[in-house]
Amino acid sequence: MSELRTMLADTVTKLFSDIYESSCHTDTQNSDHWHRIESLGLPSLMRDEADGGFNGQWQDAVMVARCAGYYAINQPLVETLLGGYALRCLGSSSSGGASTVAHCGSTDLTQQQRGYHISAELSDVAGGCDLPVFISGSFKGRHFLAQLNPGDACRRSPRTNIAGEPRCSIHLQETPLQTLCWLDQPINLHNLAALLSCAQIAGCLQRLVDMCVQYASEREQFGRPISQFQVIQHGISQLAEQAAAVTCATEAAAQALDRDGLQTTDFEIAAAKLRANIAIPLATNIAHQVHGAIGFTEEHQLHLFTRRLLAWRNEYGNNRFWAKRLGHWCLQHRTDGLWQALTARSDRHMSEKPEALREPEYQTS
């Protein structure tokens, strides 16, 4: 980890730990918490330096998202990081505040006197119905990136996921776009959102590991801590294995994205999200088994993390979606050697001088 990234990790960890403690271990949204995040400059991490941003890399964004997952930060930070990157690609200036992103599978664009209008369905947009939305998609074989004001939409349907996080389905019918940029190469905001979702999942999983280790050391049964029972040790070791696997897959995808760009990293992102989705049911089961009945109570903080994991499992693509992506990739390389194609991706990374990676030193109460 570079010196600057180490400083960022330490600063973010301290801030998120303070926010988590000041919220009394609940997931209630608080405007003061968002102001503290903004004052640190985190929402501008991925924006262009000319726009007052930091021109950050994806490894920086992944580190921030992982810390946000570890401390159950209920703010639209990850979505705003993606929005900052979209602004950077558009070459536009930020008006400040939070934002979110979406990807259109099917889109209709019409050019009118004052610009382009869009007709599309945006499902389960993270962050709610009131944030500016950056959209990626294609129309008649041409790729585009655009920005719209959700207030101009024909219909907005707010809801929350099982973790209580705001989501919104937006129906667009001849809705004016604030900005539109045609692209030579596609920018799939869905894939980028999936990567940062993996980072949040990795942070949540690590939190479960730490909570289980602490609880098993404190809880006694039959005259000794339950951490001394082999079945508990086995369960926690499995949980730690899942957390480490997701963290490694996510880090590998972020490094590939910084090194090679978005056009050639579909494989790494798909592998990371599928691995994260697979880990979630096993990890949540083990965490609740270790904690027993107390882990199911509203007063205990465990549900803040397990509900998030179960909600994120199906967001930005479920197991079938990403397994199908990986299957198509394998079929494309079946003639020139699947094994050679797989090893070439890791060999390309190993030929470079690797950075010293360091996990953020999370602060726990």
Protein backbone atom coordinates (compact mmCIF):
# COMPACT_ATOMS: atom_id res chain seq x y z
CA MET A 1 0.00 0.00 0.00
CA SER A 2 1.39 3.40 -0.99
CA GLU A 3 2.11 6.02 1.67
CA LEU A 4 -0.79 8.21 0.52
CA ARG A 5 -3.20 5.26 0.52
CA THR A 6 -2.01 4.31 4.00
CA MET A 7 -2.75 7.84 5.23
CA LEU A 8 -6.16 7.73 3.57
CA ALA A 9 -6.94 4.36 5.17
CA ASP A 10 -6.01 5.60 8.64
CA THR A 11 -8.05 8.79 8.26
CA VAL A 12 -11.12 7.02 6.88
CA THR A 13 -10.98 4.33 9.55
CA LYS A 14 -10.91 6.91 12.34
CA LEU A 15 -13.79 8.90 10.84
CA PHE A 16 -16.02 5.89 10.19
CA SER A 17 -15.29 4.46 13.64
CA ASP A 18 -16.34 7.76 15.23
CA ILE A 19 -19.52 7.87 13.11
CA TYR A 20 -20.41 4.30 14.05
CA GLU A 21 -19.89 4.97 17.75
CA SER A 22 -21.78 8.27 17.69
CA SER A 23 -24.74 6.58 16.00
CA CYS A 24 -24.96 4.20 18.99
CA HIS A 25 -24.45 1.17 16.74
CA THR A 26 -27.57 1.88 14.65
CA ASP A 27 -27.96 2.42 10.92
CA THR A 28 -30.02 5.61 11.12
CA GLN A 29 -29.10 8.20 8.49
CA ASN A 30 -27.77 11.42 9.97
CA SER A 31 -27.08 14.59 7.98
CA ASP A 32 -24.29 15.53 10.40
CA HIS A 33 -22.47 12.34 9.50
CA TRP A 34 -22.65 13.20 5.80
CA HIS A 35 -21.29 16.69 6.53
CA ARG A 36 -18.32 15.10 8.31
CA ILE A 37 -17.69 12.82 5.34
CA GLU A 38 -17.91 15.80 2.96
CA SER A 39 -15.58 17.91 5.10
CA LEU A 40 -12.93 15.21 4.72
CA GLY A 41 -13.28 15.41 0.93
CA LEU A 42 -14.19 11.74 0.45
CA PRO A 43 -17.05 12.34 -2.04
CA SER A 44 -14.55 14.04 -4.38
CA LEU A 45 -12.03 11.18 -4.26
CA MET A 46 -12.73 9.98 -7.82
CA ARG A 47 -13.36 13.41 -9.36
CA ASP A 48 -10.86 15.16 -11.60
CA GLU A 49 -8.26 17.36 -9.92
CA ALA A 50 -9.37 20.29 -12.09
CA ASP A 51 -12.83 19.90 -10.52
CA GLY A 52 -11.48 19.98 -6.99
CA GLY A 53 -11.13 16.21 -6.75
CA PHE A 54 -8.24 13.85 -6.12
CA ASN A 55 -8.25 11.86 -9.38
CA GLY A 56 -8.21 8.72 -7.22
CA GLN A 57 -7.58 5.17 -8.36
CA TRP A 58 -9.99 2.28 -7.98
CA GLN A 59 -7.81 0.75 -5.27
CA ASP A 60 -8.45 3.94 -3.26
CA ALA A 61 -12.21 3.69 -3.82
CA VAL A 62 -12.21 -0.01 -2.89
CA MET A 63 -10.39 0.74 0.35
CA VAL A 64 -12.91 3.44 1.30
CA ALA A 65 -15.86 1.20 0.39
CA ARG A 66 -14.43 -1.68 2.44
CA CYS A 67 -14.13 0.58 5.49
CA ALA A 68 -17.69 1.80 4.91
CA GLY A 69 -18.88 -1.81 4.92
CA TYR A 70 -16.92 -2.61 8.07
CA TYR A 71 -18.58 0.24 9.98
CA ALA A 72 -22.06 -0.07 8.39
CA ILE A 73 -21.99 3.50 7.10
CA ASN A 74 -25.54 4.34 6.02
CA GLN A 75 -24.68 7.20 3.65
CA PRO A 76 -24.58 7.39 -0.18
CA LEU A 77 -20.79 7.57 -0.21
CA VAL A 78 -20.08 4.64 -2.53
CA GLU A 79 -22.67 5.89 -5.01
CA THR A 80 -21.13 9.38 -4.89
CA LEU A 81 -17.66 7.95 -5.56
CA LEU A 82 -19.05 6.37 -8.72
CA GLY A 83 -20.78 9.63 -9.61
CA GLY A 84 -17.47 11.45 -9.22
CA TYR A 85 -15.83 9.07 -11.67
CA ALA A 86 -18.69 9.62 -14.12
CA LEU A 87 -18.17 13.39 -13.82
CA ARG A 88 -14.49 12.85 -14.56
CA CYS A 89 -15.35 10.91 -17.70
CA LEU A 90 -17.88 13.54 -18.79
CA GLY A 91 -15.43 16.37 -18.20
CA SER A 92 -18.12 18.19 -16.23
CA SER A 93 -17.92 20.16 -13.01
CA SER A 94 -19.58 19.05 -9.82
CA SER A 95 -22.28 21.09 -8.13
CA GLY A 96 -21.49 19.32 -4.87
CA GLY A 97 -23.56 16.91 -2.80
CA ALA A 98 -24.30 13.23 -3.18
CA SER A 99 -25.11 11.43 -6.43
CA THR A 100 -25.76 7.93 -7.71
CA VAL A 101 -25.39 5.82 -10.86
CA ALA A 102 -27.36 3.41 -13.01
CA HIS A 103 -26.91 1.38 -16.19
CA CYS A 104 -29.56 1.11 -18.91
CA GLY A 105 -30.03 -2.25 -20.57
CA SER A 106 -32.61 -0.94 -23.03
CA THR A 107 -32.69 2.72 -23.97
CA ASP A 108 -34.40 5.04 -26.43
CA LEU A 109 -32.83 8.43 -27.12
CA THR A 110 -34.34 11.27 -29.12
CA GLN A 111 -32.58 14.47 -30.08
CA GLN A 112 -34.63 17.62 -29.66
CA GLN A 113 -33.90 21.32 -29.94
CA ARG A 114 -32.59 21.64 -26.39
CA GLY A 115 -30.69 18.36 -26.27
CA TYR A 116 -31.32 14.64 -25.86
CA HIS A 117 -34.31 13.04 -24.18
CA ILE A 118 -34.27 9.49 -22.81
CA SER A 119 -36.86 6.75 -22.32
CA ALA A 120 -35.78 3.88 -20.07
CA GLU A 121 -36.44 1.97 -16.85
CA LEU A 122 -33.91 2.29 -14.03
CA SER A 123 -34.43 -0.40 -11.39
CA ASP A 124 -33.27 -0.36 -7.77
CA VAL A 125 -31.15 2.77 -8.04
CA ALA A 126 -29.10 3.03 -4.85
CA GLY A 127 -29.32 6.14 -2.71
CA GLY A 128 -33.00 6.89 -3.20
CA CYS A 129 -35.10 8.98 -5.56
CA ASP A 130 -33.69 12.46 -4.99
CA LEU A 131 -30.03 12.16 -6.01
CA PRO A 132 -28.67 13.23 -9.41
CA VAL A 133 -28.22 10.10 -11.54
CA PHE A 134 -25.38 9.29 -13.92
CA ILE A 135 -26.39 6.76 -16.56
CA SER A 136 -24.32 4.52 -18.82
CA GLY A 137 -25.80 2.65 -21.75
CA SER A 138 -25.88 2.24 -25.51
CA PHE A 139 -28.22 3.31 -28.29
CA LYS A 140 -28.07 1.96 -31.84
CA GLY A 141 -24.60 0.55 -31.24
CA ARG A 142 -23.17 3.75 -29.78
CA HIS A 143 -22.14 3.98 -26.13
CA PHE A 144 -23.00 6.97 -23.98
CA LEU A 145 -22.66 8.45 -20.52
CA ALA A 146 -25.27 10.91 -19.31
CA GLN A 147 -26.58 12.81 -16.30
CA LEU A 148 -30.19 13.50 -15.40
CA ASN A 149 -32.21 15.10 -12.65
CA PRO A 150 -34.55 12.47 -11.15
CA GLY A 151 -37.09 15.21 -10.53
CA ASP A 152 -37.68 15.27 -14.30
CA ALA A 153 -38.66 11.58 -14.35
CA CYS A 154 -42.22 10.52 -15.17
CA ARG A 155 -42.49 8.21 -12.18
CA ARG A 156 -40.34 7.39 -9.17
CA SER A 157 -41.04 4.43 -6.88
CA PRO A 158 -39.08 4.60 -3.61
CA ARG A 159 -38.48 1.58 -1.41
CA THR A 160 -35.90 0.20 0.98
CA ASN A 161 -33.98 -3.06 0.83
CA ILE A 162 -33.98 -5.50 3.74
CA ALA A 163 -31.16 -3.54 5.35
CA GLY A 164 -33.26 -0.37 5.32
CA GLU A 165 -31.14 1.32 2.65
CA PRO A 166 -33.03 3.59 0.20
CA ARG A 167 -33.60 2.30 -3.33
CA CYS A 168 -35.66 3.71 -6.18
CA SER A 169 -37.10 2.54 -9.48
CA ILE A 170 -37.23 5.40 -11.99
CA HIS A 171 -39.42 5.43 -15.10
CA LEU A 172 -38.12 7.76 -17.80
CA GLN A 173 -40.32 8.78 -20.72
CA GLU A 174 -38.89 11.47 -23.00
CA THR A 175 -37.00 12.79 -19.97
CA PRO A 176 -34.47 15.55 -20.75
CA LEU A 177 -30.81 14.80 -20.04
CA GLN A 178 -28.68 17.46 -18.41
CA THR A 179 -25.51 16.15 -20.07
CA LEU A 180 -24.77 13.45 -22.64
CA CYS A 181 -21.41 12.30 -23.96
CA TRP A 182 -20.91 9.75 -26.75
CA LEU A 183 -18.06 7.35 -26.01
CA ASP A 184 -15.58 5.53 -28.22
CA GLN A 185 -15.33 2.78 -25.58
CA PRO A 186 -18.16 1.73 -23.24
CA ILE A 187 -18.14 2.69 -19.58
CA ASN A 188 -20.33 0.22 -17.71
CA LEU A 189 -21.29 1.85 -14.41
CA HIS A 190 -23.03 -1.40 -13.39
CA ASN A 191 -19.70 -3.24 -13.37
CA LEU A 192 -18.00 -0.48 -11.38
CA ALA A 193 -20.85 -0.43 -8.87
CA ALA A 194 -20.54 -4.21 -8.54
CA LEU A 195 -16.84 -3.85 -7.73
CA LEU A 196 -17.45 -1.35 -4.93
CA SER A 197 -20.28 -3.55 -3.68
CA CYS A 198 -17.73 -6.36 -3.39
CA ALA A 199 -15.55 -4.06 -1.31
CA GLN A 200 -18.44 -3.28 1.04
CA ILE A 201 -19.18 -7.00 1.33
CA ALA A 202 -15.52 -7.69 2.14
CA GLY A 203 -15.63 -5.09 4.93
CA CYS A 204 -18.85 -6.53 6.35
CA LEU A 205 -17.44 -10.06 6.29
CA GLN A 206 -14.32 -8.96 8.14
CA ARG A 207 -16.56 -7.29 10.72
CA LEU A 208 -18.38 -10.60 11.24
CA VAL A 209 -15.05 -12.34 11.79
CA ASP A 210 -13.98 -9.81 14.42
CA MET A 211 -17.37 -9.88 16.16
CA CYS A 212 -17.41 -13.68 16.30
CA VAL A 213 -13.86 -13.88 17.65
CA GLN A 214 -14.67 -11.33 20.37
CA TYR A 215 -18.00 -12.90 21.36
CA ALA A 216 -16.62 -16.45 21.40
CA SER A 217 -13.80 -15.31 23.69
CA GLU A 218 -16.20 -13.65 26.13
CA ARG A 219 -19.15 -16.09 26.14
CA GLU A 220 -18.70 -19.02 28.52
CA GLN A 221 -20.49 -22.36 28.46
CA PHE A 222 -19.79 -25.43 30.59
CA GLY A 223 -17.22 -23.45 32.54
CA ARG A 224 -15.04 -22.25 29.67
CA PRO A 225 -15.16 -19.78 26.73
CA ILE A 226 -16.97 -21.21 23.72
CA SER A 227 -13.92 -20.26 21.64
CA GLN A 228 -12.25 -23.39 23.08
CA PHE A 229 -14.81 -25.68 21.46
CA GLN A 230 -13.58 -27.17 18.21
CA VAL A 231 -16.86 -26.71 16.37
CA ILE A 232 -16.79 -22.96 17.13
CA GLN A 233 -13.16 -22.73 16.02
CA HIS A 234 -14.01 -24.55 12.81
CA GLY A 235 -16.93 -22.23 12.06
CA ILE A 236 -14.95 -19.04 12.67
CA SER A 237 -12.06 -20.33 10.55
CA GLN A 238 -14.50 -20.95 7.69
CA LEU A 239 -15.86 -17.44 8.13
CA ALA A 240 -12.35 -15.97 8.06
CA GLU A 241 -11.62 -17.99 4.92
CA GLN A 242 -14.64 -16.49 3.15
CA ALA A 243 -13.71 -12.95 4.20
CA ALA A 244 -10.13 -13.38 2.98
CA ALA A 245 -11.23 -14.85 -0.36
CA VAL A 246 -13.61 -11.98 -1.08
CA THR A 247 -11.01 -9.39 -0.07
CA CYS A 248 -8.39 -10.96 -2.34
CA ALA A 249 -10.76 -11.21 -5.31
CA THR A 250 -11.84 -7.60 -4.86
CA GLU A 251 -8.27 -6.32 -4.53
CA ALA A 252 -7.27 -8.26 -7.65
CA ALA A 253 -10.13 -6.71 -9.63
CA ALA A 254 -9.26 -3.19 -8.44
CA GLN A 255 -5.60 -3.66 -9.35
CA ALA A 256 -6.54 -4.98 -12.78
CA LEU A 257 -8.88 -2.03 -13.31
CA ASP A 258 -6.18 0.50 -12.42
CA ARG A 259 -3.62 -1.33 -14.54
CA ASP A 260 -5.58 -2.30 -17.65
CA GLY A 261 -8.72 -0.15 -17.66
CA LEU A 262 -12.40 -1.04 -17.72
CA GLN A 263 -12.47 -2.60 -21.18
CA THR A 264 -10.46 -5.71 -20.25
CA THR A 265 -11.47 -6.39 -16.64
CA ASP A 266 -14.91 -7.97 -17.06
CA PHE A 267 -13.46 -11.30 -15.93
CA GLU A 268 -11.96 -9.97 -12.68
CA ILE A 269 -15.07 -8.03 -11.70
CA ALA A 270 -17.36 -10.97 -12.49
CA ALA A 271 -15.15 -13.35 -10.48
CA ALA A 272 -15.06 -10.98 -7.50
CA LYS A 273 -18.83 -10.40 -7.39
CA LEU A 274 -19.65 -14.08 -7.84
CA ARG A 275 -17.17 -15.01 -5.09
CA ALA A 276 -18.68 -12.39 -2.79
CA ASN A 277 -22.22 -13.61 -3.45
CA ILE A 278 -21.21 -17.22 -2.74
CA ALA A 279 -19.59 -16.26 0.57
CA ILE A 280 -22.59 -14.42 2.01
CA PRO A 281 -25.00 -17.24 2.97
CA LEU A 282 -22.26 -19.33 4.60
CA ALA A 283 -20.83 -16.34 6.45
CA THR A 284 -24.15 -15.06 7.79
CA ASN A 285 -25.16 -18.56 8.91
CA ILE A 286 -21.93 -19.05 10.84
CA ALA A 287 -22.08 -15.61 12.45
CA HIS A 288 -25.60 -16.17 13.76
CA GLN A 289 -24.77 -19.70 14.91
CA VAL A 290 -21.81 -18.42 16.93
CA HIS A 291 -23.86 -15.63 18.53
CA GLY A 292 -26.89 -17.79 19.23
CA ALA A 293 -30.19 -16.20 20.22
CA ILE A 294 -28.72 -12.81 21.13
CA GLY A 295 -27.62 -12.29 17.54
CA PHE A 296 -31.25 -12.22 16.38
CA THR A 297 -32.28 -9.39 18.70
CA GLU A 298 -32.76 -5.86 17.42
CA GLU A 299 -30.60 -4.51 20.23
CA HIS A 300 -27.54 -6.47 19.09
CA GLN A 301 -25.46 -4.96 16.31
CA LEU A 302 -24.99 -8.21 14.36
CA HIS A 303 -28.07 -7.65 12.20
CA LEU A 304 -26.66 -4.33 10.95
CA PHE A 305 -24.11 -6.35 9.01
CA THR A 306 -25.91 -9.59 8.16
CA ARG A 307 -28.95 -7.76 6.75
CA ARG A 308 -26.68 -5.65 4.58
CA LEU A 309 -24.89 -8.72 3.28
CA LEU A 310 -28.13 -10.48 2.41
CA ALA A 311 -29.40 -7.35 0.64
CA TRP A 312 -26.18 -6.78 -1.32
CA ARG A 313 -26.05 -10.40 -2.46
CA ASN A 314 -28.64 -9.79 -5.19
CA GLU A 315 -27.80 -6.18 -6.00
CA TYR A 316 -25.70 -5.45 -9.10
CA GLY A 317 -26.15 -9.00 -10.31
CA ASN A 318 -26.97 -12.27 -8.53
CA ASN A 319 -25.06 -15.55 -8.75
CA ARG A 320 -26.67 -16.56 -12.03
CA PHE A 321 -25.92 -13.22 -13.68
CA TRP A 322 -22.20 -13.29 -12.93
CA ALA A 323 -21.79 -17.05 -13.44
CA LYS A 324 -23.27 -16.58 -16.91
CA ARG A 325 -20.78 -13.78 -17.59
CA LEU A 326 -17.89 -16.01 -16.55
CA GLY A 327 -19.27 -18.88 -18.61
CA HIS A 328 -19.38 -16.73 -21.74
CA TRP A 329 -15.80 -15.61 -21.10
CA CYS A 330 -14.66 -19.23 -20.79
CA LEU A 331 -16.43 -20.17 -24.02
CA GLN A 332 -14.72 -17.33 -25.84
CA HIS A 333 -11.33 -18.73 -24.84
CA ARG A 334 -12.03 -22.43 -25.30
CA THR A 335 -10.21 -22.60 -28.64
CA ASP A 336 -7.01 -20.77 -27.69
CA GLY A 337 -6.66 -22.53 -24.33
CA LEU A 338 -8.68 -21.67 -21.25
CA TRP A 339 -5.86 -22.38 -18.81
CA GLN A 340 -3.42 -20.22 -20.76
CA ALA A 341 -5.96 -17.37 -20.82
CA LEU A 342 -6.48 -17.62 -17.06
CA THR A 343 -2.80 -17.76 -16.13
CA ALA A 344 -1.92 -14.96 -18.55
CA ARG A 345 -4.06 -12.56 -16.54
CA SER A 346 -2.26 -13.31 -13.29
CA ASP A 347 1.17 -13.55 -14.94
CA ARG A 348 0.74 -10.03 -16.31
CA HIS A 349 0.22 -8.77 -12.78
CA MET A 350 3.01 -10.83 -11.23
CA SER A 351 5.53 -9.47 -13.74
CA GLU A 352 5.10 -6.04 -12.18
CA LYS A 353 6.58 -4.96 -8.88
CA PRO A 354 3.72 -5.39 -6.40
CA GLU A 355 2.85 -2.84 -3.77
CA ALA A 356 2.99 -3.88 -0.14
CA LEU A 357 -0.68 -4.41 0.72
CA ARG A 358 -1.85 -3.61 4.20
CA GLU A 359 -5.31 -4.08 5.61
CA PRO A 360 -6.74 -1.03 7.37
CA GLU A 361 -6.36 -1.33 11.13
CA TYR A 362 -10.02 -1.20 12.05
CA GLN A 363 -10.93 0.33 15.38
CA THR A 364 -13.37 -1.73 17.40
CA SER A 365 -15.18 -0.83 20.56
